[in-house]
Amino acid sequence: MAAQSSIEWTDSTFNPWVGCTKIKRPGNKPSACDFCYAEKWAKRSGMVTWGNHPRRRTTESYWRGPLNWNSRAPDFHRTFGRRRRAALGPLGTIEVGGKTPDWIIIGGESGVSADFARPTRPEWVRDVIAECRQHNVAPFLKQWGSYSNNPLVVENGLTIKEAMQEDPPVNGKGGGKLDDQIWREFPRKLIVDGTKRPASSKHKVRKRELMFS
């Protein structure tokens, strides 16, 4: 657990389990196990053997951290309501309908060689943001993952060096701009006349509060 995380959309992280059993899809098609960041962490730290090994639960003291966070959840729910979040990366087009999430986090794949990273197309992200607007969902574009995905390169024909000047890595790995702006919104719930109404808002809620469910 990182009590002070550098991840853009949260303050703290929690891993209830370590270890895994890797899977392969028929025909060696890409799977969620490809380029697993947790596997890289395990190899660096030596704390757990990764691959075809059983998972194990983290310690009791480690679990007490989120319990402290959750003790504040009732007050949060009364103020903002419950939250549903979806994280997408890399992504294709999606449909946001029915029981919509309150927050969509979008991100291109990173942490692997550019030759292996799966693409994230600018038009996919525009489609997701358009659906977010239609359903009053807050979009959060974390990063492009690689400048080979960045619309300044893909659509505007800039070199990677030029794109890095206009959309520097401080905006996210591979940059983070789309159509000349940063898309990093946080959700909130409005209570009007006793009725909860969803609303998207930029930075209206502290990040840690958004982790409760």
N, C-alpha and C. Protein backbone atom coordinates (compact mmCIF):
# COMPACT_ATOMS: atom_id res chain seq x y z
N MET A 1 0.85 -1.18 0.00
CA MET A 1 0.00 0.00 0.00
C MET A 1 0.89 1.23 0.00
N ALA A 2 0.54 2.20 -0.81
CA ALA A 2 1.24 3.47 -0.82
C ALA A 2 0.36 4.51 -0.15
N ALA A 3 0.75 4.93 1.05
CA ALA A 3 -0.05 5.92 1.77
C ALA A 3 -0.05 7.26 1.07
N GLN A 4 1.04 7.55 0.34
CA GLN A 4 1.14 8.79 -0.41
C GLN A 4 1.48 8.42 -1.86
N SER A 5 0.48 8.09 -2.64
CA SER A 5 0.70 7.62 -4.00
C SER A 5 0.90 8.80 -4.95
N SER A 6 1.72 8.58 -5.98
CA SER A 6 1.90 9.59 -7.02
C SER A 6 0.91 9.41 -8.16
N ILE A 7 0.04 8.40 -8.08
CA ILE A 7 -0.96 8.18 -9.11
C ILE A 7 -1.92 9.37 -9.15
N GLU A 8 -2.21 9.84 -10.36
CA GLU A 8 -2.92 11.09 -10.53
C GLU A 8 -4.33 11.08 -9.95
N TRP A 9 -4.99 9.92 -9.98
CA TRP A 9 -6.41 9.90 -9.62
C TRP A 9 -6.68 9.34 -8.23
N THR A 10 -5.62 9.21 -7.40
CA THR A 10 -5.84 8.76 -6.03
C THR A 10 -4.75 9.28 -5.13
N ASP A 11 -4.98 9.26 -3.83
CA ASP A 11 -3.96 9.62 -2.85
C ASP A 11 -3.25 8.39 -2.29
N SER A 12 -3.99 7.27 -2.16
CA SER A 12 -3.45 6.07 -1.52
C SER A 12 -3.90 4.83 -2.29
N THR A 13 -3.09 3.77 -2.22
CA THR A 13 -3.45 2.51 -2.88
C THR A 13 -3.38 1.37 -1.88
N PHE A 14 -4.09 0.28 -2.20
CA PHE A 14 -4.16 -0.88 -1.31
C PHE A 14 -4.21 -2.15 -2.13
N ASN A 15 -3.34 -3.11 -1.82
CA ASN A 15 -3.30 -4.40 -2.50
C ASN A 15 -3.65 -5.50 -1.50
N PRO A 16 -4.87 -6.05 -1.57
CA PRO A 16 -5.27 -7.05 -0.58
C PRO A 16 -4.59 -8.40 -0.76
N TRP A 17 -4.14 -8.69 -2.00
CA TRP A 17 -3.52 -9.98 -2.29
C TRP A 17 -2.22 -9.77 -3.05
N VAL A 18 -1.31 -10.71 -2.92
CA VAL A 18 -0.13 -10.75 -3.78
C VAL A 18 -0.01 -12.16 -4.33
N GLY A 19 0.59 -12.27 -5.51
CA GLY A 19 0.69 -13.56 -6.17
C GLY A 19 -0.39 -13.72 -7.23
N CYS A 20 -0.24 -14.70 -8.09
CA CYS A 20 -1.23 -14.88 -9.15
C CYS A 20 -1.05 -16.23 -9.83
N THR A 21 -1.96 -16.53 -10.70
CA THR A 21 -1.82 -17.62 -11.66
C THR A 21 -2.01 -17.02 -13.04
N LYS A 22 -0.96 -16.99 -13.83
CA LYS A 22 -1.03 -16.36 -15.14
C LYS A 22 -1.90 -17.20 -16.08
N ILE A 23 -2.54 -16.52 -16.99
CA ILE A 23 -3.39 -17.21 -17.96
C ILE A 23 -2.95 -16.84 -19.37
N LYS A 24 -3.24 -17.72 -20.29
CA LYS A 24 -2.98 -17.46 -21.71
C LYS A 24 -4.26 -17.69 -22.48
N ARG A 25 -4.50 -16.83 -23.44
CA ARG A 25 -5.68 -16.98 -24.28
C ARG A 25 -5.35 -17.88 -25.47
N PRO A 26 -6.36 -18.56 -26.01
CA PRO A 26 -6.12 -19.44 -27.16
C PRO A 26 -5.47 -18.67 -28.31
N GLY A 27 -4.54 -19.33 -28.96
CA GLY A 27 -3.86 -18.71 -30.09
C GLY A 27 -2.89 -17.62 -29.69
N ASN A 28 -2.52 -17.61 -28.41
CA ASN A 28 -1.60 -16.59 -27.89
C ASN A 28 -2.09 -15.17 -28.12
N LYS A 29 -3.41 -14.99 -28.07
CA LYS A 29 -3.96 -13.65 -28.20
C LYS A 29 -3.65 -12.84 -26.94
N PRO A 30 -3.62 -11.50 -27.05
CA PRO A 30 -3.29 -10.67 -25.88
C PRO A 30 -4.25 -10.93 -24.73
N SER A 31 -3.71 -10.92 -23.54
CA SER A 31 -4.53 -11.11 -22.34
C SER A 31 -4.17 -10.03 -21.32
N ALA A 32 -4.96 -9.97 -20.25
CA ALA A 32 -4.71 -8.99 -19.19
C ALA A 32 -3.39 -9.25 -18.47
N CYS A 33 -2.81 -10.44 -18.64
CA CYS A 33 -1.55 -10.75 -17.98
C CYS A 33 -0.34 -10.19 -18.73
N ASP A 34 -0.52 -9.79 -19.96
CA ASP A 34 0.59 -9.26 -20.74
C ASP A 34 1.11 -7.97 -20.10
N PHE A 35 2.42 -7.88 -19.94
CA PHE A 35 3.08 -6.66 -19.43
C PHE A 35 2.57 -6.28 -18.04
N CYS A 36 2.32 -7.25 -17.22
CA CYS A 36 1.77 -6.99 -15.88
C CYS A 36 2.76 -6.19 -15.03
N TYR A 37 2.33 -5.02 -14.54
CA TYR A 37 3.21 -4.19 -13.73
C TYR A 37 3.49 -4.84 -12.39
N ALA A 38 2.53 -5.59 -11.86
CA ALA A 38 2.72 -6.23 -10.56
C ALA A 38 3.78 -7.33 -10.65
N GLU A 39 3.86 -8.00 -11.79
CA GLU A 39 4.89 -9.02 -11.97
C GLU A 39 6.28 -8.38 -11.95
N LYS A 40 6.40 -7.22 -12.58
CA LYS A 40 7.69 -6.51 -12.57
C LYS A 40 8.06 -6.10 -11.15
N TRP A 41 7.05 -5.62 -10.40
CA TRP A 41 7.30 -5.25 -9.01
C TRP A 41 7.77 -6.45 -8.21
N ALA A 42 7.14 -7.60 -8.42
CA ALA A 42 7.49 -8.80 -7.66
C ALA A 42 8.93 -9.21 -7.94
N LYS A 43 9.34 -9.11 -9.19
CA LYS A 43 10.71 -9.50 -9.54
C LYS A 43 11.72 -8.54 -8.92
N ARG A 44 11.37 -7.25 -8.87
CA ARG A 44 12.29 -6.27 -8.28
C ARG A 44 12.39 -6.44 -6.77
N SER A 45 11.26 -6.65 -6.13
CA SER A 45 11.23 -6.67 -4.66
C SER A 45 11.63 -8.02 -4.07
N GLY A 46 11.37 -9.10 -4.82
CA GLY A 46 11.63 -10.44 -4.30
C GLY A 46 10.68 -10.86 -3.20
N MET A 47 9.58 -10.10 -3.01
CA MET A 47 8.66 -10.37 -1.90
C MET A 47 7.70 -11.51 -2.19
N VAL A 48 7.51 -11.84 -3.47
CA VAL A 48 6.57 -12.90 -3.81
C VAL A 48 6.98 -13.50 -5.15
N THR A 49 6.78 -14.82 -5.29
CA THR A 49 7.06 -15.47 -6.57
C THR A 49 5.86 -15.31 -7.46
N TRP A 50 6.10 -14.81 -8.67
CA TRP A 50 4.99 -14.52 -9.57
C TRP A 50 4.86 -15.61 -10.61
N GLY A 51 3.69 -15.76 -11.17
CA GLY A 51 3.46 -16.76 -12.20
C GLY A 51 2.44 -17.77 -11.74
N ASN A 52 2.72 -19.02 -11.93
CA ASN A 52 1.76 -20.07 -11.55
C ASN A 52 1.98 -20.46 -10.09
N HIS A 53 1.64 -19.56 -9.21
CA HIS A 53 1.78 -19.77 -7.78
C HIS A 53 0.52 -19.23 -7.09
N PRO A 54 0.11 -19.83 -5.99
CA PRO A 54 -1.12 -19.37 -5.32
C PRO A 54 -0.96 -17.97 -4.75
N ARG A 55 -2.06 -17.27 -4.70
CA ARG A 55 -2.06 -15.95 -4.09
C ARG A 55 -1.96 -16.08 -2.57
N ARG A 56 -1.53 -15.01 -1.94
CA ARG A 56 -1.58 -14.98 -0.48
C ARG A 56 -2.08 -13.61 -0.03
N ARG A 57 -2.77 -13.61 1.08
CA ARG A 57 -3.35 -12.40 1.62
C ARG A 57 -2.26 -11.56 2.29
N THR A 58 -2.35 -10.26 2.18
CA THR A 58 -1.40 -9.40 2.87
C THR A 58 -1.72 -9.37 4.36
N THR A 59 -0.87 -8.74 5.15
CA THR A 59 -0.93 -8.88 6.61
C THR A 59 -2.13 -8.16 7.22
N GLU A 60 -2.45 -8.57 8.46
CA GLU A 60 -3.55 -7.96 9.19
C GLU A 60 -3.30 -6.47 9.41
N SER A 61 -2.07 -6.11 9.78
CA SER A 61 -1.77 -4.70 10.02
C SER A 61 -1.92 -3.88 8.74
N TYR A 62 -1.56 -4.49 7.61
CA TYR A 62 -1.71 -3.81 6.32
C TYR A 62 -3.18 -3.53 6.01
N TRP A 63 -4.03 -4.49 6.36
CA TRP A 63 -5.46 -4.35 6.08
C TRP A 63 -6.12 -3.27 6.94
N ARG A 64 -5.52 -2.91 8.06
CA ARG A 64 -6.15 -1.92 8.93
C ARG A 64 -6.15 -0.52 8.33
N GLY A 65 -5.24 -0.24 7.39
CA GLY A 65 -5.22 1.07 6.76
C GLY A 65 -6.53 1.42 6.06
N PRO A 66 -7.01 0.59 5.11
CA PRO A 66 -8.29 0.88 4.45
C PRO A 66 -9.48 0.88 5.40
N LEU A 67 -9.41 0.09 6.49
CA LEU A 67 -10.50 0.12 7.46
C LEU A 67 -10.63 1.51 8.08
N ASN A 68 -9.50 2.15 8.31
CA ASN A 68 -9.54 3.52 8.81
C ASN A 68 -10.15 4.46 7.78
N TRP A 69 -9.80 4.26 6.52
CA TRP A 69 -10.39 5.09 5.46
C TRP A 69 -11.90 4.89 5.42
N ASN A 70 -12.32 3.62 5.48
CA ASN A 70 -13.74 3.32 5.34
C ASN A 70 -14.57 3.82 6.52
N SER A 71 -13.93 4.08 7.66
CA SER A 71 -14.68 4.60 8.80
C SER A 71 -15.28 5.96 8.49
N ARG A 72 -14.72 6.63 7.48
CA ARG A 72 -15.25 7.93 7.08
C ARG A 72 -16.27 7.83 5.95
N ALA A 73 -16.51 6.62 5.46
CA ALA A 73 -17.39 6.44 4.30
C ALA A 73 -18.83 6.89 4.55
N PRO A 74 -19.44 6.62 5.72
CA PRO A 74 -20.84 7.06 5.90
C PRO A 74 -21.04 8.55 5.70
N ASP A 75 -20.13 9.36 6.24
CA ASP A 75 -20.25 10.80 6.05
C ASP A 75 -20.11 11.18 4.58
N PHE A 76 -19.19 10.50 3.90
CA PHE A 76 -18.99 10.76 2.48
C PHE A 76 -20.23 10.40 1.67
N HIS A 77 -20.83 9.23 1.97
CA HIS A 77 -22.01 8.79 1.23
C HIS A 77 -23.20 9.74 1.44
N ARG A 78 -23.34 10.25 2.66
CA ARG A 78 -24.43 11.18 2.92
C ARG A 78 -24.27 12.46 2.12
N THR A 79 -23.03 12.85 1.90
CA THR A 79 -22.76 14.11 1.20
C THR A 79 -22.77 13.93 -0.32
N PHE A 80 -22.10 12.86 -0.78
CA PHE A 80 -21.87 12.73 -2.21
C PHE A 80 -22.54 11.51 -2.85
N GLY A 81 -23.09 10.59 -2.05
CA GLY A 81 -23.66 9.37 -2.60
C GLY A 81 -22.58 8.35 -2.89
N ARG A 82 -23.00 7.16 -3.30
CA ARG A 82 -22.05 6.10 -3.62
C ARG A 82 -21.52 6.30 -5.04
N ARG A 83 -20.32 5.74 -5.28
CA ARG A 83 -19.63 5.94 -6.54
C ARG A 83 -19.38 4.63 -7.25
N ARG A 84 -19.46 4.66 -8.57
CA ARG A 84 -19.03 3.54 -9.40
C ARG A 84 -17.99 4.08 -10.36
N ARG A 85 -16.87 3.35 -10.48
CA ARG A 85 -15.76 3.82 -11.29
C ARG A 85 -15.35 2.74 -12.27
N ALA A 86 -14.96 3.15 -13.46
CA ALA A 86 -14.40 2.22 -14.44
C ALA A 86 -13.09 2.78 -14.95
N ALA A 87 -12.07 1.91 -15.02
CA ALA A 87 -10.77 2.32 -15.54
C ALA A 87 -10.53 1.62 -16.87
N LEU A 88 -10.14 2.37 -17.87
CA LEU A 88 -10.02 1.85 -19.24
C LEU A 88 -8.63 2.10 -19.78
N GLY A 89 -7.90 1.05 -20.11
CA GLY A 89 -6.61 1.28 -20.70
C GLY A 89 -5.89 -0.03 -21.00
N PRO A 90 -5.49 -0.24 -22.25
CA PRO A 90 -5.90 0.53 -23.42
C PRO A 90 -7.35 0.21 -23.76
N LEU A 91 -7.95 0.95 -24.66
CA LEU A 91 -9.39 0.82 -24.81
C LEU A 91 -9.83 0.90 -26.26
N GLY A 92 -11.02 0.40 -26.49
CA GLY A 92 -11.73 0.63 -27.72
C GLY A 92 -12.96 1.44 -27.37
N THR A 93 -13.90 1.57 -28.29
CA THR A 93 -15.10 2.33 -27.96
C THR A 93 -15.95 1.55 -26.97
N ILE A 94 -16.68 2.26 -26.13
CA ILE A 94 -17.55 1.63 -25.14
C ILE A 94 -18.91 2.28 -25.21
N GLU A 95 -19.89 1.64 -24.61
CA GLU A 95 -21.21 2.23 -24.45
C GLU A 95 -21.44 2.45 -22.96
N VAL A 96 -21.80 3.66 -22.61
CA VAL A 96 -22.10 3.97 -21.22
C VAL A 96 -23.60 4.17 -21.12
N GLY A 97 -24.28 3.19 -20.59
CA GLY A 97 -25.74 3.27 -20.50
C GLY A 97 -26.24 2.44 -19.34
N GLY A 98 -27.52 2.49 -19.08
CA GLY A 98 -28.07 1.73 -17.97
C GLY A 98 -27.54 2.27 -16.66
N LYS A 99 -26.91 1.40 -15.87
CA LYS A 99 -26.29 1.82 -14.63
C LYS A 99 -24.92 2.41 -14.93
N THR A 100 -24.89 3.68 -15.16
CA THR A 100 -23.64 4.32 -15.56
C THR A 100 -22.71 4.49 -14.37
N PRO A 101 -21.40 4.41 -14.62
CA PRO A 101 -20.44 4.74 -13.56
C PRO A 101 -20.45 6.25 -13.33
N ASP A 102 -19.89 6.67 -12.22
CA ASP A 102 -19.76 8.09 -11.95
C ASP A 102 -18.47 8.66 -12.51
N TRP A 103 -17.53 7.76 -12.80
CA TRP A 103 -16.18 8.21 -13.16
C TRP A 103 -15.58 7.24 -14.16
N ILE A 104 -15.04 7.75 -15.24
CA ILE A 104 -14.32 6.95 -16.22
C ILE A 104 -12.87 7.42 -16.24
N ILE A 105 -11.93 6.51 -15.94
CA ILE A 105 -10.50 6.80 -15.99
C ILE A 105 -9.93 6.15 -17.24
N ILE A 106 -9.30 6.95 -18.08
CA ILE A 106 -8.82 6.51 -19.38
C ILE A 106 -7.30 6.60 -19.40
N GLY A 107 -6.62 5.57 -19.92
CA GLY A 107 -5.18 5.64 -19.98
C GLY A 107 -4.59 4.71 -21.01
N GLY A 108 -3.61 5.21 -21.74
CA GLY A 108 -2.87 4.37 -22.68
C GLY A 108 -1.86 3.51 -21.94
N GLU A 109 -1.53 2.37 -22.52
CA GLU A 109 -0.62 1.42 -21.87
C GLU A 109 0.80 1.98 -21.82
N SER A 110 1.46 1.77 -20.70
CA SER A 110 2.85 2.22 -20.54
C SER A 110 3.62 1.18 -19.77
N GLY A 111 4.91 1.43 -19.59
CA GLY A 111 5.74 0.51 -18.83
C GLY A 111 6.29 -0.64 -19.63
N VAL A 112 6.07 -0.64 -20.94
CA VAL A 112 6.61 -1.69 -21.82
C VAL A 112 7.23 -1.02 -23.03
N SER A 113 7.99 -1.78 -23.78
CA SER A 113 8.58 -1.26 -25.00
C SER A 113 7.49 -0.79 -25.96
N ALA A 114 7.78 0.30 -26.67
CA ALA A 114 6.80 0.83 -27.61
C ALA A 114 6.43 -0.19 -28.68
N ASP A 115 7.33 -1.14 -28.93
CA ASP A 115 7.04 -2.17 -29.94
C ASP A 115 5.96 -3.15 -29.47
N PHE A 116 5.75 -3.23 -28.14
CA PHE A 116 4.81 -4.19 -27.60
C PHE A 116 3.54 -3.55 -27.06
N ALA A 117 3.59 -2.27 -26.72
CA ALA A 117 2.42 -1.62 -26.13
C ALA A 117 1.26 -1.60 -27.11
N ARG A 118 0.08 -1.90 -26.61
CA ARG A 118 -1.11 -1.88 -27.46
C ARG A 118 -1.60 -0.44 -27.62
N PRO A 119 -2.11 -0.09 -28.80
CA PRO A 119 -2.42 1.32 -29.09
C PRO A 119 -3.66 1.83 -28.37
N THR A 120 -3.68 3.14 -28.18
CA THR A 120 -4.86 3.86 -27.73
C THR A 120 -5.10 4.97 -28.74
N ARG A 121 -6.20 4.92 -29.46
CA ARG A 121 -6.47 5.86 -30.55
C ARG A 121 -7.17 7.11 -30.03
N PRO A 122 -6.78 8.29 -30.51
CA PRO A 122 -7.45 9.52 -30.08
C PRO A 122 -8.96 9.48 -30.30
N GLU A 123 -9.40 8.88 -31.41
CA GLU A 123 -10.85 8.85 -31.67
C GLU A 123 -11.59 8.00 -30.65
N TRP A 124 -10.93 6.97 -30.11
CA TRP A 124 -11.56 6.17 -29.06
C TRP A 124 -11.81 7.03 -27.83
N VAL A 125 -10.81 7.82 -27.46
CA VAL A 125 -10.94 8.65 -26.26
C VAL A 125 -12.01 9.71 -26.46
N ARG A 126 -12.07 10.30 -27.65
CA ARG A 126 -13.12 11.29 -27.92
C ARG A 126 -14.50 10.66 -27.80
N ASP A 127 -14.65 9.44 -28.29
CA ASP A 127 -15.94 8.76 -28.20
C ASP A 127 -16.33 8.53 -26.74
N VAL A 128 -15.36 8.13 -25.91
CA VAL A 128 -15.64 7.88 -24.50
C VAL A 128 -16.04 9.19 -23.81
N ILE A 129 -15.30 10.26 -24.07
CA ILE A 129 -15.61 11.54 -23.44
C ILE A 129 -16.97 12.04 -23.89
N ALA A 130 -17.31 11.84 -25.16
CA ALA A 130 -18.63 12.24 -25.66
C ALA A 130 -19.74 11.48 -24.93
N GLU A 131 -19.53 10.18 -24.71
CA GLU A 131 -20.53 9.40 -23.96
C GLU A 131 -20.60 9.84 -22.51
N CYS A 132 -19.44 10.19 -21.94
CA CYS A 132 -19.44 10.72 -20.58
C CYS A 132 -20.29 11.98 -20.49
N ARG A 133 -20.14 12.85 -21.45
CA ARG A 133 -20.92 14.08 -21.46
C ARG A 133 -22.41 13.80 -21.59
N GLN A 134 -22.74 12.82 -22.42
CA GLN A 134 -24.14 12.47 -22.65
C GLN A 134 -24.80 11.96 -21.38
N HIS A 135 -24.03 11.21 -20.57
CA HIS A 135 -24.59 10.57 -19.37
C HIS A 135 -24.15 11.24 -18.08
N ASN A 136 -23.53 12.42 -18.17
CA ASN A 136 -23.13 13.18 -16.98
C ASN A 136 -22.13 12.40 -16.12
N VAL A 137 -21.15 11.82 -16.77
CA VAL A 137 -20.10 11.06 -16.12
C VAL A 137 -18.79 11.85 -16.23
N ALA A 138 -17.99 11.84 -15.18
CA ALA A 138 -16.73 12.59 -15.18
C ALA A 138 -15.64 11.80 -15.89
N PRO A 139 -15.02 12.34 -16.96
CA PRO A 139 -13.91 11.66 -17.62
C PRO A 139 -12.57 12.10 -17.05
N PHE A 140 -11.62 11.17 -16.96
CA PHE A 140 -10.29 11.46 -16.46
C PHE A 140 -9.28 10.78 -17.38
N LEU A 141 -8.64 11.56 -18.24
CA LEU A 141 -7.61 11.02 -19.14
C LEU A 141 -6.27 11.11 -18.43
N LYS A 142 -5.77 9.98 -17.98
CA LYS A 142 -4.54 9.94 -17.21
C LYS A 142 -3.32 10.20 -18.08
N GLN A 143 -3.24 9.54 -19.23
CA GLN A 143 -2.04 9.60 -20.07
C GLN A 143 -2.32 8.96 -21.41
N TRP A 144 -1.44 9.24 -22.38
CA TRP A 144 -1.49 8.53 -23.66
C TRP A 144 -0.65 7.27 -23.63
N GLY A 145 0.23 7.14 -22.64
CA GLY A 145 1.07 5.95 -22.53
C GLY A 145 2.34 6.05 -23.34
N SER A 146 2.21 6.53 -24.56
CA SER A 146 3.34 6.69 -25.47
C SER A 146 3.01 7.84 -26.41
N TYR A 147 4.04 8.57 -26.84
CA TYR A 147 3.79 9.66 -27.79
C TYR A 147 3.35 9.14 -29.16
N SER A 148 3.51 7.85 -29.39
CA SER A 148 3.00 7.28 -30.63
C SER A 148 1.48 7.23 -30.64
N ASN A 149 0.84 7.41 -29.46
CA ASN A 149 -0.62 7.50 -29.36
C ASN A 149 -1.11 8.95 -29.34
N ASN A 150 -0.23 9.87 -29.02
CA ASN A 150 -0.63 11.26 -28.80
C ASN A 150 -1.18 11.88 -30.08
N PRO A 151 -2.35 12.54 -30.01
CA PRO A 151 -2.95 13.12 -31.23
C PRO A 151 -2.07 14.18 -31.89
N LEU A 152 -1.18 14.81 -31.15
CA LEU A 152 -0.28 15.76 -31.79
C LEU A 152 0.63 15.07 -32.80
N VAL A 153 0.95 13.80 -32.53
CA VAL A 153 1.76 13.01 -33.45
C VAL A 153 0.89 12.31 -34.48
N VAL A 154 -0.17 11.63 -33.98
CA VAL A 154 -1.01 10.80 -34.84
C VAL A 154 -1.81 11.63 -35.83
N GLU A 155 -2.36 12.76 -35.38
CA GLU A 155 -3.27 13.55 -36.21
C GLU A 155 -2.65 14.83 -36.76
N ASN A 156 -1.79 15.46 -35.97
CA ASN A 156 -1.23 16.75 -36.39
C ASN A 156 0.11 16.64 -37.08
N GLY A 157 0.70 15.45 -37.06
CA GLY A 157 1.94 15.22 -37.79
C GLY A 157 3.19 15.77 -37.12
N LEU A 158 3.13 16.10 -35.82
CA LEU A 158 4.31 16.57 -35.13
C LEU A 158 5.27 15.42 -34.87
N THR A 159 6.54 15.75 -34.75
CA THR A 159 7.50 14.74 -34.31
C THR A 159 7.31 14.54 -32.80
N ILE A 160 7.85 13.45 -32.29
CA ILE A 160 7.73 13.19 -30.86
C ILE A 160 8.39 14.31 -30.06
N LYS A 161 9.53 14.80 -30.54
CA LYS A 161 10.21 15.90 -29.83
C LYS A 161 9.34 17.14 -29.80
N GLU A 162 8.68 17.45 -30.91
CA GLU A 162 7.80 18.62 -30.96
C GLU A 162 6.59 18.42 -30.05
N ALA A 163 6.04 17.21 -30.05
CA ALA A 163 4.87 16.93 -29.22
C ALA A 163 5.22 17.04 -27.73
N MET A 164 6.42 16.64 -27.37
CA MET A 164 6.85 16.71 -25.98
C MET A 164 6.96 18.15 -25.50
N GLN A 165 7.20 19.07 -26.41
CA GLN A 165 7.26 20.48 -26.04
C GLN A 165 5.86 21.05 -25.82
N GLU A 166 4.90 20.63 -26.64
CA GLU A 166 3.54 21.14 -26.52
C GLU A 166 2.73 20.40 -25.45
N ASP A 167 3.03 19.13 -25.27
CA ASP A 167 2.32 18.29 -24.29
C ASP A 167 3.37 17.50 -23.51
N PRO A 168 4.06 18.14 -22.56
CA PRO A 168 5.20 17.51 -21.90
C PRO A 168 4.82 16.32 -21.02
N PRO A 169 5.80 15.47 -20.69
CA PRO A 169 5.53 14.28 -19.87
C PRO A 169 4.95 14.58 -18.50
N VAL A 170 5.09 15.82 -18.02
CA VAL A 170 4.47 16.17 -16.74
C VAL A 170 2.96 16.02 -16.81
N ASN A 171 2.39 16.05 -18.02
CA ASN A 171 0.95 15.84 -18.21
C ASN A 171 0.56 14.37 -18.21
N GLY A 172 1.54 13.48 -18.11
CA GLY A 172 1.29 12.04 -18.17
C GLY A 172 2.28 11.40 -19.11
N LYS A 173 2.46 10.10 -18.97
CA LYS A 173 3.37 9.39 -19.87
C LYS A 173 2.84 9.47 -21.29
N GLY A 174 3.65 9.96 -22.20
CA GLY A 174 3.19 10.16 -23.57
C GLY A 174 2.35 11.41 -23.71
N GLY A 175 2.32 12.26 -22.67
CA GLY A 175 1.46 13.44 -22.68
C GLY A 175 0.06 13.11 -22.21
N GLY A 176 -0.76 14.15 -22.06
CA GLY A 176 -2.12 13.92 -21.56
C GLY A 176 -3.16 14.84 -22.15
N LYS A 177 -2.80 15.61 -23.17
CA LYS A 177 -3.75 16.54 -23.76
C LYS A 177 -4.56 15.90 -24.88
N LEU A 178 -5.79 16.35 -25.01
CA LEU A 178 -6.64 15.99 -26.13
C LEU A 178 -7.38 17.25 -26.56
N ASP A 179 -7.23 17.62 -27.82
CA ASP A 179 -7.87 18.82 -28.34
C ASP A 179 -7.52 20.04 -27.49
N ASP A 180 -6.23 20.16 -27.21
CA ASP A 180 -5.65 21.34 -26.54
C ASP A 180 -6.07 21.50 -25.08
N GLN A 181 -6.55 20.44 -24.43
CA GLN A 181 -6.87 20.57 -23.02
C GLN A 181 -6.61 19.29 -22.26
N ILE A 182 -6.47 19.43 -20.94
CA ILE A 182 -6.30 18.31 -20.04
C ILE A 182 -7.68 17.89 -19.54
N TRP A 183 -7.98 16.60 -19.66
CA TRP A 183 -9.28 16.07 -19.23
C TRP A 183 -9.10 15.30 -17.93
N ARG A 184 -9.20 16.00 -16.81
CA ARG A 184 -9.03 15.35 -15.51
C ARG A 184 -10.11 15.84 -14.56
N GLU A 185 -11.27 15.25 -14.69
CA GLU A 185 -12.41 15.64 -13.88
C GLU A 185 -12.69 14.61 -12.80
N PHE A 186 -13.25 15.08 -11.71
CA PHE A 186 -13.64 14.22 -10.59
C PHE A 186 -15.16 14.29 -10.44
N PRO A 187 -15.79 13.19 -10.03
CA PRO A 187 -17.25 13.18 -9.92
C PRO A 187 -17.74 13.75 -8.60
N ARG A 188 -18.98 14.13 -8.61
CA ARG A 188 -19.64 14.52 -7.38
C ARG A 188 -21.13 14.23 -7.53
N LYS A 189 -21.84 14.26 -6.41
CA LYS A 189 -23.30 14.13 -6.42
C LYS A 189 -23.90 15.42 -5.90
N LEU A 190 -24.85 15.94 -6.62
CA LEU A 190 -25.57 17.10 -6.14
C LEU A 190 -26.86 16.66 -5.46
N ILE A 191 -27.20 17.27 -4.36
CA ILE A 191 -28.46 16.99 -3.69
C ILE A 191 -29.32 18.24 -3.80
N VAL A 192 -30.36 18.16 -4.61
CA VAL A 192 -31.24 19.30 -4.87
C VAL A 192 -32.65 18.92 -4.48
N ASP A 193 -33.25 19.67 -3.54
CA ASP A 193 -34.60 19.39 -3.08
C ASP A 193 -34.74 17.94 -2.59
N GLY A 194 -33.69 17.44 -1.94
CA GLY A 194 -33.74 16.10 -1.39
C GLY A 194 -33.51 15.00 -2.40
N THR A 195 -33.25 15.36 -3.67
CA THR A 195 -33.05 14.37 -4.73
C THR A 195 -31.60 14.38 -5.18
N LYS A 196 -30.97 13.21 -5.21
CA LYS A 196 -29.59 13.13 -5.68
C LYS A 196 -29.57 13.23 -7.20
N ARG A 197 -28.70 14.08 -7.70
CA ARG A 197 -28.55 14.22 -9.14
C ARG A 197 -27.07 14.17 -9.47
N PRO A 198 -26.68 13.31 -10.42
CA PRO A 198 -25.26 13.21 -10.74
C PRO A 198 -24.79 14.45 -11.48
N ALA A 199 -23.55 14.81 -11.23
CA ALA A 199 -22.97 15.95 -11.93
C ALA A 199 -21.47 15.76 -12.03
N SER A 200 -20.91 16.11 -13.18
CA SER A 200 -19.48 16.06 -13.38
C SER A 200 -18.89 17.39 -12.98
N SER A 201 -17.76 17.34 -12.30
CA SER A 201 -17.15 18.58 -11.82
C SER A 201 -15.64 18.45 -11.80
N LYS A 202 -14.94 19.51 -12.06
CA LYS A 202 -13.49 19.48 -12.05
C LYS A 202 -12.97 19.75 -10.64
N HIS A 203 -12.31 18.71 -10.07
CA HIS A 203 -11.59 18.86 -8.80
C HIS A 203 -12.47 19.42 -7.69
N LYS A 204 -13.70 18.95 -7.58
CA LYS A 204 -14.58 19.41 -6.52
C LYS A 204 -14.49 18.55 -5.27
N VAL A 205 -13.87 17.36 -5.39
CA VAL A 205 -13.84 16.42 -4.28
C VAL A 205 -12.40 15.96 -4.07
N ARG A 206 -11.97 15.84 -2.82
CA ARG A 206 -10.64 15.33 -2.54
C ARG A 206 -10.51 13.93 -3.09
N LYS A 207 -9.30 13.61 -3.62
CA LYS A 207 -9.11 12.37 -4.32
C LYS A 207 -9.35 11.15 -3.44
N ARG A 208 -8.88 11.17 -2.20
CA ARG A 208 -9.01 9.96 -1.38
C ARG A 208 -10.47 9.63 -1.14
N GLU A 209 -11.32 10.61 -1.04
CA GLU A 209 -12.74 10.35 -0.82
C GLU A 209 -13.34 9.54 -1.94
N LEU A 210 -12.81 9.68 -3.14
CA LEU A 210 -13.37 8.99 -4.29
C LEU A 210 -13.07 7.49 -4.30
N MET A 211 -12.23 7.04 -3.38
CA MET A 211 -11.88 5.62 -3.35
C MET A 211 -12.91 4.78 -2.62
N PHE A 212 -13.80 5.40 -1.85
CA PHE A 212 -14.82 4.65 -1.13
C PHE A 212 -15.87 4.13 -2.10
N SER A 213 -16.44 2.97 -1.79
CA SER A 213 -17.50 2.43 -2.65
C SER A 213 -18.61 1.85 -1.79
